[in-house]
Amino acid sequence: MSVMSAIALYGIIWFMTMFLVLPFRPRSQADAGEIVPGTPAGAPQDAQMWRKVKLVTIIATATFVVVAGIILSEIITYDMIEGITRSQ
């Protein structure tokens, strides 16, 4: 795996993980009871983005290590995937 492939793979894993983590524990302004004038009541009160970024980075790094290990050790190869998905 080249360096650019590793960077692309990590980026894809990081963003997929971010989209999975974003909806966890949302707290709207209506739930908090402090609605800022001019915003909808369903807007986030405190999104805690830095906390989510840290969590996503930890999860994505661990996932990347596992996936890169599988790719580099050739436990699963392109030929195996092609053999499974090939039309009969």
C-alpha atoms as a PDB file:
ATOM      1  CA  MET A   1       0.000   0.000   0.000  1.00  0.00           C
ATOM      2  CA  SER A   2       1.438   3.353  -0.986  1.00  0.00           C
ATOM      3  CA  VAL A   3       1.512   6.395   1.275  1.00  0.00           C
ATOM      4  CA  MET A   4      -1.220   8.124  -0.729  1.00  0.00           C
ATOM      5  CA  SER A   5      -3.424   5.025  -0.530  1.00  0.00           C
ATOM      6  CA  ALA A   6      -2.939   4.928   3.239  1.00  0.00           C
ATOM      7  CA  ILE A   7      -3.838   8.624   3.564  1.00  0.00           C
ATOM      8  CA  ALA A   8      -6.943   8.155   1.412  1.00  0.00           C
ATOM      9  CA  LEU A   9      -7.991   5.068   3.386  1.00  0.00           C
ATOM     10  CA  TYR A  10      -7.530   6.879   6.707  1.00  0.00           C
ATOM     11  CA  GLY A  11      -9.520   9.874   5.440  1.00  0.00           C
ATOM     12  CA  ILE A  12     -12.393   7.681   4.317  1.00  0.00           C
ATOM     13  CA  ILE A  13     -12.448   5.784   7.611  1.00  0.00           C
ATOM     14  CA  TRP A  14     -12.236   9.057   9.610  1.00  0.00           C
ATOM     15  CA  PHE A  15     -15.158  10.706   7.815  1.00  0.00           C
ATOM     16  CA  MET A  16     -17.307   7.560   7.929  1.00  0.00           C
ATOM     17  CA  THR A  17     -16.681   7.368  11.665  1.00  0.00           C
ATOM     18  CA  MET A  18     -17.510  11.071  12.063  1.00  0.00           C
ATOM     19  CA  PHE A  19     -20.862  10.605  10.344  1.00  0.00           C
ATOM     20  CA  LEU A  20     -21.590   7.713  12.715  1.00  0.00           C
ATOM     21  CA  VAL A  21     -20.604   9.635  15.864  1.00  0.00           C
ATOM     22  CA  LEU A  22     -22.254  12.997  15.090  1.00  0.00           C
ATOM     23  CA  PRO A  23     -25.818  12.014  16.074  1.00  0.00           C
ATOM     24  CA  PHE A  24     -24.766  10.601  19.494  1.00  0.00           C
ATOM     25  CA  ARG A  25     -26.104  12.506  22.520  1.00  0.00           C
ATOM     26  CA  PRO A  26     -27.471  15.597  20.780  1.00  0.00           C
ATOM     27  CA  ARG A  27     -28.953  18.212  23.096  1.00  0.00           C
ATOM     28  CA  SER A  28     -31.186  20.802  21.497  1.00  0.00           C
ATOM     29  CA  GLN A  29     -31.757  24.329  22.703  1.00  0.00           C
ATOM     30  CA  ALA A  30     -35.347  23.343  23.535  1.00  0.00           C
ATOM     31  CA  ASP A  31     -34.064  20.547  25.808  1.00  0.00           C
ATOM     32  CA  ALA A  32     -31.727  22.986  27.563  1.00  0.00           C
ATOM     33  CA  GLY A  33     -34.463  25.609  27.883  1.00  0.00           C
ATOM     34  CA  GLU A  34     -32.238  28.351  26.433  1.00  0.00           C
ATOM     35  CA  ILE A  35     -33.398  29.185  22.909  1.00  0.00           C
ATOM     36  CA  VAL A  36     -31.259  31.855  21.253  1.00  0.00           C
ATOM     37  CA  PRO A  37     -33.437  34.385  19.400  1.00  0.00           C
ATOM     38  CA  GLY A  38     -33.385  33.820  15.643  1.00  0.00           C
ATOM     39  CA  THR A  39     -32.491  30.114  15.831  1.00  0.00           C
ATOM     40  CA  PRO A  40     -34.783  27.079  15.664  1.00  0.00           C
ATOM     41  CA  ALA A  41     -35.543  25.306  18.918  1.00  0.00           C
ATOM     42  CA  GLY A  42     -34.059  22.088  17.511  1.00  0.00           C
ATOM     43  CA  ALA A  43     -30.618  23.638  16.977  1.00  0.00           C
ATOM     44  CA  PRO A  44     -27.832  22.094  19.058  1.00  0.00           C
ATOM     45  CA  GLN A  45     -27.240  23.761  22.403  1.00  0.00           C
ATOM     46  CA  ASP A  46     -23.633  22.555  22.690  1.00  0.00           C
ATOM     47  CA  ALA A  47     -22.403  20.239  19.946  1.00  0.00           C
ATOM     48  CA  GLN A  48     -19.131  19.382  21.782  1.00  0.00           C
ATOM     49  CA  MET A  49     -17.324  19.074  18.470  1.00  0.00           C
ATOM     50  CA  TRP A  50     -13.775  18.880  19.897  1.00  0.00           C
ATOM     51  CA  ARG A  51     -14.810  15.982  22.083  1.00  0.00           C
ATOM     52  CA  LYS A  52     -16.348  14.214  19.089  1.00  0.00           C
ATOM     53  CA  VAL A  53     -13.280  14.919  16.918  1.00  0.00           C
ATOM     54  CA  LYS A  54     -11.027  13.347  19.560  1.00  0.00           C
ATOM     55  CA  LEU A  55     -13.284  10.302  19.859  1.00  0.00           C
ATOM     56  CA  VAL A  56     -13.520   9.905  16.086  1.00  0.00           C
ATOM     57  CA  THR A  57      -9.739  10.161  15.709  1.00  0.00           C
ATOM     58  CA  ILE A  58      -9.170   7.431  18.280  1.00  0.00           C
ATOM     59  CA  ILE A  59     -11.763   5.097  16.740  1.00  0.00           C
ATOM     60  CA  ALA A  60     -10.623   5.807  13.158  1.00  0.00           C
ATOM     61  CA  THR A  61      -6.961   5.220  14.015  1.00  0.00           C
ATOM     62  CA  ALA A  62      -7.721   1.868  15.630  1.00  0.00           C
ATOM     63  CA  THR A  63      -9.893   0.853  12.678  1.00  0.00           C
ATOM     64  CA  PHE A  64      -7.223   1.981  10.210  1.00  0.00           C
ATOM     65  CA  VAL A  65      -4.554  -0.104  11.957  1.00  0.00           C
ATOM     66  CA  VAL A  66      -6.746  -3.208  11.690  1.00  0.00           C
ATOM     67  CA  VAL A  67      -7.728  -2.606   8.040  1.00  0.00           C
ATOM     68  CA  ALA A  68      -4.173  -1.696   6.981  1.00  0.00           C
ATOM     69  CA  GLY A  69      -2.877  -4.789   8.780  1.00  0.00           C
ATOM     70  CA  ILE A  70      -5.321  -6.977   6.870  1.00  0.00           C
ATOM     71  CA  ILE A  71      -4.342  -5.365   3.568  1.00  0.00           C
ATOM     72  CA  LEU A  72      -0.583  -5.507   4.167  1.00  0.00           C
ATOM     73  CA  SER A  73      -0.570  -9.071   5.505  1.00  0.00           C
ATOM     74  CA  GLU A  74      -2.676 -10.152   2.516  1.00  0.00           C
ATOM     75  CA  ILE A  75      -5.235 -12.009   4.633  1.00  0.00           C
ATOM     76  CA  ILE A  76      -7.771 -10.709   2.111  1.00  0.00           C
ATOM     77  CA  THR A  77      -6.513 -10.052  -1.411  1.00  0.00           C
ATOM     78  CA  TYR A  78      -7.999  -8.404  -4.458  1.00  0.00           C
ATOM     79  CA  ASP A  79      -8.156 -11.803  -6.183  1.00  0.00           C
ATOM     80  CA  MET A  80     -10.270 -13.208  -3.329  1.00  0.00           C
ATOM     81  CA  ILE A  81     -12.719 -10.330  -3.580  1.00  0.00           C
ATOM     82  CA  GLU A  82     -12.851 -10.641  -7.360  1.00  0.00           C
ATOM     83  CA  GLY A  83     -13.517 -14.379  -7.082  1.00  0.00           C
ATOM     84  CA  ILE A  84     -16.453 -13.780  -4.758  1.00  0.00           C
ATOM     85  CA  THR A  85     -18.024 -10.971  -6.775  1.00  0.00           C
ATOM     86  CA  ARG A  86     -17.399 -12.310 -10.267  1.00  0.00           C
ATOM     87  CA  SER A  87     -20.554 -12.899 -12.298  1.00  0.00           C
ATOM     88  CA  GLN A  88     -21.147 -16.492 -13.284  1.00  0.00           C
END
